């Protein structure tokens, strides 16, 4: 059975969900079973300090993901090389073309 075609908005929404999920796991410390979460817990930070660190981690993930999406769309260079790439699903349906704008609207604002 063929699944529905993923729209660019859904693709970006899924990326946002993954970022939020990662940050949530990091916030759980050792129980989140991530290296970052474990190391964060080992720092013994106060709750407000931990929250600031988690916000910085989330921002770093968002900014690096945005840069990568922009590079794939040809709106930014990737290590000095600037080209436009086409992202397609396994059926050949094109997802790219507006991902950078969608990412900024859904995640960065």
PDB file of N, CA and C in Angstrom:
ATOM      1  N   UNK A   1       0.846  -1.190   0.000  1.00  0.00           N
ATOM      2  CA  UNK A   1       0.000   0.000   0.000  1.00  0.00           C
ATOM      3  C   UNK A   1       0.884   1.244   0.000  1.00  0.00           C
ATOM      4  N   UNK A   2       0.640   2.142  -0.917  1.00  0.00           N
ATOM      5  CA  UNK A   2       1.441   3.354  -1.048  1.00  0.00           C
ATOM      6  C   UNK A   2       0.985   4.398  -0.038  1.00  0.00           C
ATOM      7  N   UNK A   3       1.953   5.005   0.632  1.00  0.00           N
ATOM      8  CA  UNK A   3       1.614   6.040   1.606  1.00  0.00           C
ATOM      9  C   UNK A   3       1.396   7.370   0.893  1.00  0.00           C
ATOM     10  N   UNK A   4       0.796   8.309   1.592  1.00  0.00           N
ATOM     11  CA  UNK A   4       0.564   9.636   1.040  1.00  0.00           C
ATOM     12  C   UNK A   4       1.885  10.329   0.768  1.00  0.00           C
ATOM     13  N   UNK A   5       1.855  11.227  -0.197  1.00  0.00           N
ATOM     14  CA  UNK A   5       3.037  12.013  -0.526  1.00  0.00           C
ATOM     15  C   UNK A   5       3.260  13.035   0.581  1.00  0.00           C
ATOM     16  N   UNK A   6       4.496  13.075   1.067  1.00  0.00           N
ATOM     17  CA  UNK A   6       4.824  14.046   2.106  1.00  0.00           C
ATOM     18  C   UNK A   6       5.011  15.418   1.467  1.00  0.00           C
ATOM     19  N   UNK A   7       4.352  16.384   2.002  1.00  0.00           N
ATOM     20  CA  UNK A   7       4.476  17.760   1.543  1.00  0.00           C
ATOM     21  C   UNK A   7       5.676  18.411   2.232  1.00  0.00           C
ATOM     22  N   UNK A   8       6.245  19.462   1.608  1.00  0.00           N
ATOM     23  CA  UNK A   8       7.373  20.155   2.227  1.00  0.00           C
ATOM     24  C   UNK A   8       7.075  20.642   3.649  1.00  0.00           C
ATOM     25  N   UNK A   9       5.844  21.126   3.886  1.00  0.00           N
ATOM     26  CA  UNK A   9       5.479  21.605   5.224  1.00  0.00           C
ATOM     27  C   UNK A   9       5.576  20.486   6.259  1.00  0.00           C
ATOM     28  N   UNK A  10       5.128  19.303   5.874  1.00  0.00           N
ATOM     29  CA  UNK A  10       5.181  18.157   6.784  1.00  0.00           C
ATOM     30  C   UNK A  10       6.625  17.714   7.021  1.00  0.00           C
ATOM     31  N   UNK A  11       7.436  17.750   5.977  1.00  0.00           N
ATOM     32  CA  UNK A  11       8.842  17.396   6.086  1.00  0.00           C
ATOM     33  C   UNK A  11       9.536  18.287   7.124  1.00  0.00           C
ATOM     34  N   UNK A  12       9.315  19.588   7.009  1.00  0.00           N
ATOM     35  CA  UNK A  12       9.913  20.536   7.953  1.00  0.00           C
ATOM     36  C   UNK A  12       9.315  20.352   9.339  1.00  0.00           C
ATOM     37  N   UNK A  13       8.025  20.122   9.422  1.00  0.00           N
ATOM     38  CA  UNK A  13       7.392  19.865  10.714  1.00  0.00           C
ATOM     39  C   UNK A  13       8.008  18.640  11.386  1.00  0.00           C
ATOM     40  N   UNK A  14       8.307  17.619  10.605  1.00  0.00           N
ATOM     41  CA  UNK A  14       8.953  16.417  11.153  1.00  0.00           C
ATOM     42  C   UNK A  14      10.358  16.705  11.654  1.00  0.00           C
ATOM     43  N   UNK A  15      11.083  17.565  10.946  1.00  0.00           N
ATOM     44  CA  UNK A  15      12.409  17.961  11.421  1.00  0.00           C
ATOM     45  C   UNK A  15      12.287  18.702  12.747  1.00  0.00           C
ATOM     46  N   UNK A  16      11.325  19.620  12.834  1.00  0.00           N
ATOM     47  CA  UNK A  16      11.088  20.357  14.083  1.00  0.00           C
ATOM     48  C   UNK A  16      10.761  19.401  15.224  1.00  0.00           C
ATOM     49  N   UNK A  17       9.929  18.408  14.947  1.00  0.00           N
ATOM     50  CA  UNK A  17       9.571  17.413  15.952  1.00  0.00           C
ATOM     51  C   UNK A  17      10.805  16.662  16.437  1.00  0.00           C
ATOM     52  N   UNK A  18      11.702  16.309  15.526  1.00  0.00           N
ATOM     53  CA  UNK A  18      12.933  15.601  15.897  1.00  0.00           C
ATOM     54  C   UNK A  18      13.836  16.479  16.763  1.00  0.00           C
ATOM     55  N   UNK A  19      13.950  17.746  16.415  1.00  0.00           N
ATOM     56  CA  UNK A  19      14.761  18.665  17.228  1.00  0.00           C
ATOM     57  C   UNK A  19      14.184  18.760  18.635  1.00  0.00           C
ATOM     58  N   UNK A  20      12.882  18.949  18.733  1.00  0.00           N
ATOM     59  CA  UNK A  20      12.226  19.042  20.042  1.00  0.00           C
ATOM     60  C   UNK A  20      12.399  17.749  20.839  1.00  0.00           C
ATOM     61  N   UNK A  21      12.319  16.621  20.157  1.00  0.00           N
ATOM     62  CA  UNK A  21      12.489  15.326  20.814  1.00  0.00           C
ATOM     63  C   UNK A  21      13.909  15.161  21.360  1.00  0.00           C
ATOM     64  N   UNK A  22      14.898  15.553  20.567  1.00  0.00           N
ATOM     65  CA  UNK A  22      16.289  15.474  21.028  1.00  0.00           C
ATOM     66  C   UNK A  22      16.507  16.318  22.277  1.00  0.00           C
ATOM     67  N   UNK A  23      16.046  17.552  22.233  1.00  0.00           N
ATOM     68  CA  UNK A  23      16.227  18.447  23.375  1.00  0.00           C
ATOM     69  C   UNK A  23      15.506  17.901  24.597  1.00  0.00           C
ATOM     70  N   UNK A  24      14.349  17.331  24.401  1.00  0.00           N
ATOM     71  CA  UNK A  24      13.623  16.712  25.510  1.00  0.00           C
ATOM     72  C   UNK A  24      14.423  15.558  26.121  1.00  0.00           C
ATOM     73  N   UNK A  25      15.004  14.730  25.272  1.00  0.00           N
ATOM     74  CA  UNK A  25      15.834  13.624  25.779  1.00  0.00           C
ATOM     75  C   UNK A  25      17.049  14.152  26.535  1.00  0.00           C
ATOM     76  N   UNK A  26      17.665  15.210  26.016  1.00  0.00           N
ATOM     77  CA  UNK A  26      18.814  15.805  26.716  1.00  0.00           C
ATOM     78  C   UNK A  26      18.417  16.296  28.097  1.00  0.00           C
ATOM     79  N   UNK A  27      17.213  16.843  28.201  1.00  0.00           N
ATOM     80  CA  UNK A  27      16.756  17.398  29.480  1.00  0.00           C
ATOM     81  C   UNK A  27      16.528  16.312  30.532  1.00  0.00           C
ATOM     82  N   UNK A  28      16.386  15.068  30.097  1.00  0.00           N
ATOM     83  CA  UNK A  28      16.132  13.964  31.020  1.00  0.00           C
ATOM     84  C   UNK A  28      17.402  13.408  31.662  1.00  0.00           C
ATOM     85  N   UNK A  29      18.540  13.963  31.303  1.00  0.00           N
ATOM     86  CA  UNK A  29      19.793  13.484  31.886  1.00  0.00           C
ATOM     87  C   UNK A  29      20.065  12.042  31.515  1.00  0.00           C
ATOM     88  N   UNK A  30      20.474  11.244  32.508  1.00  0.00           N
ATOM     89  CA  UNK A  30      20.817   9.847  32.258  1.00  0.00           C
ATOM     90  C   UNK A  30      19.632   9.028  31.772  1.00  0.00           C
ATOM     91  N   UNK A  31      18.429   9.362  32.233  1.00  0.00           N
ATOM     92  CA  UNK A  31      17.257   8.583  31.827  1.00  0.00           C
ATOM     93  C   UNK A  31      16.911   8.783  30.354  1.00  0.00           C
ATOM     94  N   UNK A  32      17.352   9.881  29.752  1.00  0.00           N
ATOM     95  CA  UNK A  32      17.128  10.124  28.331  1.00  0.00           C
ATOM     96  C   UNK A  32      18.033   9.299  27.440  1.00  0.00           C
ATOM     97  N   UNK A  33      19.044   8.691  28.035  1.00  0.00           N
ATOM     98  CA  UNK A  33      19.983   7.795  27.367  1.00  0.00           C
ATOM     99  C   UNK A  33      20.683   8.432  26.172  1.00  0.00           C
ATOM    100  N   UNK A  34      21.094   9.698  26.335  1.00  0.00           N
ATOM    101  CA  UNK A  34      21.914  10.359  25.321  1.00  0.00           C
ATOM    102  C   UNK A  34      23.202  10.805  25.981  1.00  0.00           C
ATOM    103  N   UNK A  35      24.269  10.834  25.225  1.00  0.00           N
ATOM    104  CA  UNK A  35      25.546  11.283  25.774  1.00  0.00           C
ATOM    105  C   UNK A  35      25.457  12.718  26.291  1.00  0.00           C
ATOM    106  N   UNK A  36      24.780  13.576  25.539  1.00  0.00           N
ATOM    107  CA  UNK A  36      24.651  14.971  25.963  1.00  0.00           C
ATOM    108  C   UNK A  36      23.858  15.061  27.259  1.00  0.00           C
ATOM    109  N   UNK A  37      22.759  14.326  27.352  1.00  0.00           N
ATOM    110  CA  UNK A  37      21.964  14.334  28.578  1.00  0.00           C
ATOM    111  C   UNK A  37      22.753  13.846  29.781  1.00  0.00           C
ATOM    112  N   UNK A  38      23.511  12.781  29.576  1.00  0.00           N
ATOM    113  CA  UNK A  38      24.341  12.238  30.668  1.00  0.00           C
ATOM    114  C   UNK A  38      25.378  13.259  31.109  1.00  0.00           C
ATOM    115  N   UNK A  39      26.062  13.867  30.149  1.00  0.00           N
ATOM    116  CA  UNK A  39      27.092  14.861  30.488  1.00  0.00           C
ATOM    117  C   UNK A  39      26.483  16.099  31.130  1.00  0.00           C
ATOM    118  N   UNK A  40      25.317  16.481  30.664  1.00  0.00           N
ATOM    119  CA  UNK A  40      24.635  17.631  31.241  1.00  0.00           C
ATOM    120  C   UNK A  40      24.282  17.362  32.698  1.00  0.00           C
ATOM    121  N   UNK A  41      23.798  16.170  32.989  1.00  0.00           N
ATOM    122  CA  UNK A  41      23.470  15.806  34.366  1.00  0.00           C
ATOM    123  C   UNK A  41      24.721  15.784  35.240  1.00  0.00           C
ATOM    124  N   UNK A  42      25.822  15.299  34.689  1.00  0.00           N
ATOM    125  CA  UNK A  42      27.076  15.219  35.446  1.00  0.00           C
ATOM    126  C   UNK A  42      27.617  16.591  35.822  1.00  0.00           C
ATOM    127  N   UNK A  43      27.210  17.626  35.099  1.00  0.00           N
ATOM    128  CA  UNK A  43      27.661  18.979  35.431  1.00  0.00           C
ATOM    129  C   UNK A  43      27.076  19.477  36.746  1.00  0.00           C
ATOM    130  N   UNK A  44      25.958  18.905  37.160  1.00  0.00           N
ATOM    131  CA  UNK A  44      25.349  19.299  38.423  1.00  0.00           C
ATOM    132  C   UNK A  44      24.842  20.726  38.435  1.00  0.00           C
ATOM    133  N   UNK A  45      24.302  21.175  37.337  1.00  0.00           N
ATOM    134  CA  UNK A  45      23.820  22.552  37.226  1.00  0.00           C
ATOM    135  C   UNK A  45      22.532  22.760  38.009  1.00  0.00           C
ATOM    136  N   UNK A  46      22.327  23.983  38.430  1.00  0.00           N
ATOM    137  CA  UNK A  46      21.041  24.370  39.002  1.00  0.00           C
ATOM    138  C   UNK A  46      19.998  24.317  37.879  1.00  0.00           C
ATOM    139  N   UNK A  47      18.733  24.199  38.244  1.00  0.00           N
ATOM    140  CA  UNK A  47      17.669  24.077  37.237  1.00  0.00           C
ATOM    141  C   UNK A  47      17.670  25.232  36.242  1.00  0.00           C
ATOM    142  N   UNK A  48      17.848  26.462  36.718  1.00  0.00           N
ATOM    143  CA  UNK A  48      17.834  27.601  35.802  1.00  0.00           C
ATOM    144  C   UNK A  48      19.036  27.587  34.867  1.00  0.00           C
ATOM    145  N   UNK A  49      20.178  27.129  35.357  1.00  0.00           N
ATOM    146  CA  UNK A  49      21.369  27.018  34.518  1.00  0.00           C
ATOM    147  C   UNK A  49      21.181  25.922  33.465  1.00  0.00           C
ATOM    148  N   UNK A  50      20.607  24.815  33.888  1.00  0.00           N
ATOM    149  CA  UNK A  50      20.356  23.714  32.967  1.00  0.00           C
ATOM    150  C   UNK A  50      19.402  24.161  31.860  1.00  0.00           C
ATOM    151  N   UNK A  51      18.388  24.919  32.218  1.00  0.00           N
ATOM    152  CA  UNK A  51      17.428  25.414  31.234  1.00  0.00           C
ATOM    153  C   UNK A  51      18.106  26.310  30.200  1.00  0.00           C
ATOM    154  N   UNK A  52      19.016  27.161  30.650  1.00  0.00           N
ATOM    155  CA  UNK A  52      19.759  28.032  29.729  1.00  0.00           C
ATOM    156  C   UNK A  52      20.613  27.195  28.787  1.00  0.00           C
ATOM    157  N   UNK A  53      21.298  26.193  29.309  1.00  0.00           N
ATOM    158  CA  UNK A  53      22.135  25.328  28.480  1.00  0.00           C
ATOM    159  C   UNK A  53      21.275  24.586  27.452  1.00  0.00           C
ATOM    160  N   UNK A  54      20.128  24.087  27.876  1.00  0.00           N
ATOM    161  CA  UNK A  54      19.230  23.390  26.948  1.00  0.00           C
ATOM    162  C   UNK A  54      18.729  24.322  25.847  1.00  0.00           C
ATOM    163  N   UNK A  55      18.424  25.568  26.202  1.00  0.00           N
ATOM    164  CA  UNK A  55      18.002  26.540  25.194  1.00  0.00           C
ATOM    165  C   UNK A  55      19.128  26.817  24.198  1.00  0.00           C
ATOM    166  N   UNK A  56      20.359  26.902  24.691  1.00  0.00           N
ATOM    167  CA  UNK A  56      21.505  27.112  23.801  1.00  0.00           C
ATOM    168  C   UNK A  56      21.730  25.910  22.885  1.00  0.00           C
ATOM    169  N   UNK A  57      21.582  24.714  23.435  1.00  0.00           N
ATOM    170  CA  UNK A  57      21.724  23.509  22.624  1.00  0.00           C
ATOM    171  C   UNK A  57      20.649  23.490  21.531  1.00  0.00           C
ATOM    172  N   UNK A  58      19.418  23.793  21.910  1.00  0.00           N
ATOM    173  CA  UNK A  58      18.322  23.816  20.935  1.00  0.00           C
ATOM    174  C   UNK A  58      18.591  24.842  19.848  1.00  0.00           C
ATOM    175  N   UNK A  59      19.057  26.004  20.232  1.00  0.00           N
ATOM    176  CA  UNK A  59      19.360  27.051  19.256  1.00  0.00           C
ATOM    177  C   UNK A  59      20.477  26.606  18.321  1.00  0.00           C
ATOM    178  N   UNK A  60      21.496  25.947  18.851  1.00  0.00           N
ATOM    179  CA  UNK A  60      22.596  25.465  18.016  1.00  0.00           C
ATOM    180  C   UNK A  60      22.104  24.426  17.007  1.00  0.00           C
ATOM    181  N   UNK A  61      21.247  23.528  17.443  1.00  0.00           N
ATOM    182  CA  UNK A  61      20.694  22.522  16.525  1.00  0.00           C
ATOM    183  C   UNK A  61      19.850  23.194  15.458  1.00  0.00           C
ATOM    184  N   UNK A  62      19.005  24.140  15.872  1.00  0.00           N
ATOM    185  CA  UNK A  62      18.150  24.836  14.913  1.00  0.00           C
ATOM    186  C   UNK A  62      18.981  25.603  13.884  1.00  0.00           C
ATOM    187  N   UNK A  63      19.992  26.343  14.345  1.00  0.00           N
ATOM    188  CA  UNK A  63      20.805  27.139  13.436  1.00  0.00           C
ATOM    189  C   UNK A  63      21.607  26.263  12.473  1.00  0.00           C
ATOM    190  N   UNK A  64      22.182  25.173  12.974  1.00  0.00           N
ATOM    191  CA  UNK A  64      22.960  24.311  12.086  1.00  0.00           C
ATOM    192  C   UNK A  64      22.056  23.591  11.090  1.00  0.00           C
ATOM    193  N   UNK A  65      20.867  23.197  11.526  1.00  0.00           N
ATOM    194  CA  UNK A  65      19.919  22.549  10.616  1.00  0.00           C
ATOM    195  C   UNK A  65      19.439  23.542   9.567  1.00  0.00           C
ATOM    196  N   UNK A  66      19.171  24.768   9.984  1.00  0.00           N
ATOM    197  CA  UNK A  66      18.753  25.806   9.037  1.00  0.00           C
ATOM    198  C   UNK A  66      19.845  26.056   8.003  1.00  0.00           C
ATOM    199  N   UNK A  67      21.090  26.135   8.447  1.00  0.00           N
ATOM    200  CA  UNK A  67      22.197  26.339   7.513  1.00  0.00           C
ATOM    201  C   UNK A  67      22.288  25.199   6.513  1.00  0.00           C
ATOM    202  N   UNK A  68      22.097  23.978   6.973  1.00  0.00           N
ATOM    203  CA  UNK A  68      22.134  22.822   6.090  1.00  0.00           C
ATOM    204  C   UNK A  68      20.973  22.858   5.090  1.00  0.00           C
ATOM    205  N   UNK A  69      19.774  23.163   5.569  1.00  0.00           N
ATOM    206  CA  UNK A  69      18.615  23.252   4.678  1.00  0.00           C
ATOM    207  C   UNK A  69      18.831  24.348   3.636  1.00  0.00           C
ATOM    208  N   UNK A  70      19.342  25.498   4.068  1.00  0.00           N
ATOM    209  CA  UNK A  70      19.627  26.590   3.126  1.00  0.00           C
ATOM    210  C   UNK A  70      20.667  26.169   2.099  1.00  0.00           C
ATOM    211  N   UNK A  71      21.677  25.436   2.529  1.00  0.00           N
ATOM    212  CA  UNK A  71      22.707  24.960   1.599  1.00  0.00           C
ATOM    213  C   UNK A  71      22.109  23.986   0.585  1.00  0.00           C
ATOM    214  N   UNK A  72      21.227  23.110   1.028  1.00  0.00           N
ATOM    215  CA  UNK A  72      20.582  22.173   0.110  1.00  0.00           C
ATOM    216  C   UNK A  72      19.700  22.895  -0.904  1.00  0.00           C
ATOM    217  N   UNK A  73      19.091  23.976  -0.479  1.00  0.00           N
ATOM    218  CA  UNK A  73      18.219  24.753  -1.353  1.00  0.00           C
ATOM    219  C   UNK A  73      19.013  25.694  -2.267  1.00  0.00           C
ATOM    220  N   UNK A  74      20.321  25.806  -2.029  1.00  0.00           N
ATOM    221  CA  UNK A  74      21.146  26.693  -2.843  1.00  0.00           C
ATOM    222  C   UNK A  74      21.156  28.122  -2.363  1.00  0.00           C
ATOM    223  N   UNK A  75      20.555  28.378  -1.201  1.00  0.00           N
ATOM    224  CA  UNK A  75      20.479  29.739  -0.655  1.00  0.00           C
ATOM    225  C   UNK A  75      21.712  30.096   0.168  1.00  0.00           C
ATOM    226  N   UNK A  76      22.567  29.132   0.445  1.00  0.00           N
ATOM    227  CA  UNK A  76      23.787  29.361   1.228  1.00  0.00           C
ATOM    228  C   UNK A  76      24.840  28.365   0.763  1.00  0.00           C
ATOM    229  N   UNK A  77      26.078  28.660   1.076  1.00  0.00           N
ATOM    230  CA  UNK A  77      27.146  27.737   0.696  1.00  0.00           C
ATOM    231  C   UNK A  77      27.350  26.696   1.787  1.00  0.00           C
ATOM    232  N   UNK A  78      27.881  25.589   1.374  1.00  0.00           N
ATOM    233  CA  UNK A  78      28.224  24.504   2.283  1.00  0.00           C
ATOM    234  C   UNK A  78      29.713  24.282   2.140  1.00  0.00           C
ATOM    235  N   UNK A  79      30.470  24.720   3.153  1.00  0.00           N
ATOM    236  CA  UNK A  79      31.933  24.630   3.131  1.00  0.00           C
ATOM    237  C   UNK A  79      32.510  25.275   1.868  1.00  0.00           C
ATOM    238  N   UNK A  80      31.944  26.426   1.500  1.00  0.00           N
ATOM    239  CA  UNK A  80      32.463  27.189   0.375  1.00  0.00           C
ATOM    240  C   UNK A  80      31.893  26.801  -0.978  1.00  0.00           C
ATOM    241  N   UNK A  81      31.092  25.776  -1.039  1.00  0.00           N
ATOM    242  CA  UNK A  81      30.480  25.340  -2.296  1.00  0.00           C
ATOM    243  C   UNK A  81      28.987  25.654  -2.252  1.00  0.00           C
ATOM    244  N   UNK A  82      28.507  26.359  -3.274  1.00  0.00           N
ATOM    245  CA  UNK A  82      27.091  26.714  -3.302  1.00  0.00           C
ATOM    246  C   UNK A  82      26.455  26.142  -4.561  1.00  0.00           C
ATOM    247  N   UNK A  83      25.561  25.194  -4.351  1.00  0.00           N
ATOM    248  CA  UNK A  83      24.814  24.551  -5.426  1.00  0.00           C
ATOM    249  C   UNK A  83      23.385  24.353  -4.949  1.00  0.00           C
ATOM    250  N   UNK A  84      22.501  24.098  -5.881  1.00  0.00           N
ATOM    251  CA  UNK A  84      21.122  23.780  -5.538  1.00  0.00           C
ATOM    252  C   UNK A  84      20.929  22.283  -5.696  1.00  0.00           C
ATOM    253  N   UNK A  85      20.378  21.645  -4.683  1.00  0.00           N
ATOM    254  CA  UNK A  85      20.121  20.215  -4.710  1.00  0.00           C
ATOM    255  C   UNK A  85      18.622  19.986  -4.758  1.00  0.00           C
ATOM    256  N   UNK A  86      18.251  18.837  -5.271  1.00  0.00           N
ATOM    257  CA  UNK A  86      16.842  18.479  -5.342  1.00  0.00           C
ATOM    258  C   UNK A  86      16.614  17.322  -4.370  1.00  0.00           C
ATOM    259  N   UNK A  87      15.718  17.515  -3.424  1.00  0.00           N
ATOM    260  CA  UNK A  87      15.377  16.473  -2.460  1.00  0.00           C
ATOM    261  C   UNK A  87      14.076  15.827  -2.936  1.00  0.00           C
ATOM    262  N   UNK A  88      14.137  14.520  -3.152  1.00  0.00           N
ATOM    263  CA  UNK A  88      12.960  13.791  -3.604  1.00  0.00           C
ATOM    264  C   UNK A  88      12.700  12.600  -2.691  1.00  0.00           C
ATOM    265  N   UNK A  89      11.447  12.140  -2.690  1.00  0.00           N
ATOM    266  CA  UNK A  89      11.148  10.910  -1.969  1.00  0.00           C
ATOM    267  C   UNK A  89      11.445   9.727  -2.895  1.00  0.00           C
ATOM    268  N   UNK A  90      11.239   8.525  -2.416  1.00  0.00           N
ATOM    269  CA  UNK A  90      11.602   7.356  -3.215  1.00  0.00           C
ATOM    270  C   UNK A  90      10.746   7.195  -4.465  1.00  0.00           C
ATOM    271  N   UNK A  91       9.632   7.905  -4.544  1.00  0.00           N
ATOM    272  CA  UNK A  91       8.785   7.867  -5.737  1.00  0.00           C
ATOM    273  C   UNK A  91       9.134   8.976  -6.722  1.00  0.00           C
ATOM    274  N   UNK A  92      10.104   9.815  -6.357  1.00  0.00           N
ATOM    275  CA  UNK A  92      10.522  10.905  -7.232  1.00  0.00           C
ATOM    276  C   UNK A  92       9.784  12.205  -7.017  1.00  0.00           C
ATOM    277  N   UNK A  93       8.910  12.267  -6.025  1.00  0.00           N
ATOM    278  CA  UNK A  93       8.213  13.512  -5.712  1.00  0.00           C
ATOM    279  C   UNK A  93       9.179  14.493  -5.067  1.00  0.00           C
ATOM    280  N   UNK A  94       9.215  15.705  -5.584  1.00  0.00           N
ATOM    281  CA  UNK A  94      10.165  16.722  -5.123  1.00  0.00           C
ATOM    282  C   UNK A  94       9.663  17.375  -3.841  1.00  0.00           C
ATOM    283  N   UNK A  95      10.554  17.428  -2.833  1.00  0.00           N
ATOM    284  CA  UNK A  95      10.252  18.107  -1.573  1.00  0.00           C
ATOM    285  C   UNK A  95      10.912  19.478  -1.509  1.00  0.00           C
ATOM    286  N   UNK A  96      12.011  19.632  -2.216  1.00  0.00           N
ATOM    287  CA  UNK A  96      12.783  20.864  -2.098  1.00  0.00           C
ATOM    288  C   UNK A  96      12.170  21.990  -2.921  1.00  0.00           C
ATOM    289  N   UNK A  97      12.713  23.166  -2.715  1.00  0.00           N
ATOM    290  CA  UNK A  97      12.273  24.344  -3.445  1.00  0.00           C
ATOM    291  C   UNK A  97      11.811  25.467  -2.545  1.00  0.00           C
ATOM    292  N   UNK A  98      11.352  25.125  -1.362  1.00  0.00           N
ATOM    293  CA  UNK A  98      10.901  26.148  -0.417  1.00  0.00           C
ATOM    294  C   UNK A  98      11.217  25.745   1.016  1.00  0.00           C
ATOM    295  N   UNK A  99      12.037  24.740   1.189  1.00  0.00           N
ATOM    296  CA  UNK A  99      12.306  24.212   2.532  1.00  0.00           C
ATOM    297  C   UNK A  99      12.960  25.237   3.445  1.00  0.00           C
ATOM    298  N   UNK A 100      13.872  26.047   2.897  1.00  0.00           N
ATOM    299  CA  UNK A 100      14.543  27.038   3.733  1.00  0.00           C
ATOM    300  C   UNK A 100      13.556  28.051   4.293  1.00  0.00           C
ATOM    301  N   UNK A 101      12.632  28.525   3.456  1.00  0.00           N
ATOM    302  CA  UNK A 101      11.615  29.472   3.931  1.00  0.00           C
ATOM    303  C   UNK A 101      10.688  28.823   4.956  1.00  0.00           C
ATOM    304  N   UNK A 102      10.269  27.601   4.673  1.00  0.00           N
ATOM    305  CA  UNK A 102       9.387  26.885   5.607  1.00  0.00           C
ATOM    306  C   UNK A 102      10.077  26.632   6.942  1.00  0.00           C
ATOM    307  N   UNK A 103      11.345  26.243   6.884  1.00  0.00           N
ATOM    308  CA  UNK A 103      12.081  25.988   8.121  1.00  0.00           C
ATOM    309  C   UNK A 103      12.166  27.255   8.961  1.00  0.00           C
ATOM    310  N   UNK A 104      12.475  28.367   8.303  1.00  0.00           N
ATOM    311  CA  UNK A 104      12.570  29.631   9.043  1.00  0.00           C
ATOM    312  C   UNK A 104      11.231  29.971   9.687  1.00  0.00           C
ATOM    313  N   UNK A 105      10.148  29.823   8.934  1.00  0.00           N
ATOM    314  CA  UNK A 105       8.820  30.150   9.467  1.00  0.00           C
ATOM    315  C   UNK A 105       8.400  29.227  10.607  1.00  0.00           C
ATOM    316  N   UNK A 106       8.646  27.924  10.461  1.00  0.00           N
ATOM    317  CA  UNK A 106       8.175  26.958  11.450  1.00  0.00           C
ATOM    318  C   UNK A 106       9.084  26.813  12.662  1.00  0.00           C
ATOM    319  N   UNK A 107      10.374  27.039  12.465  1.00  0.00           N
ATOM    320  CA  UNK A 107      11.333  26.712  13.526  1.00  0.00           C
ATOM    321  C   UNK A 107      12.054  27.934  14.066  1.00  0.00           C
ATOM    322  N   UNK A 108      12.496  28.806  13.208  1.00  0.00           N
ATOM    323  CA  UNK A 108      13.365  29.894  13.648  1.00  0.00           C
ATOM    324  C   UNK A 108      12.614  31.091  14.212  1.00  0.00           C
ATOM    325  N   UNK A 109      11.384  31.308  13.784  1.00  0.00           N
ATOM    326  CA  UNK A 109      10.653  32.489  14.275  1.00  0.00           C
ATOM    327  C   UNK A 109      10.094  32.252  15.660  1.00  0.00           C
TER     328      UNK A 109
END
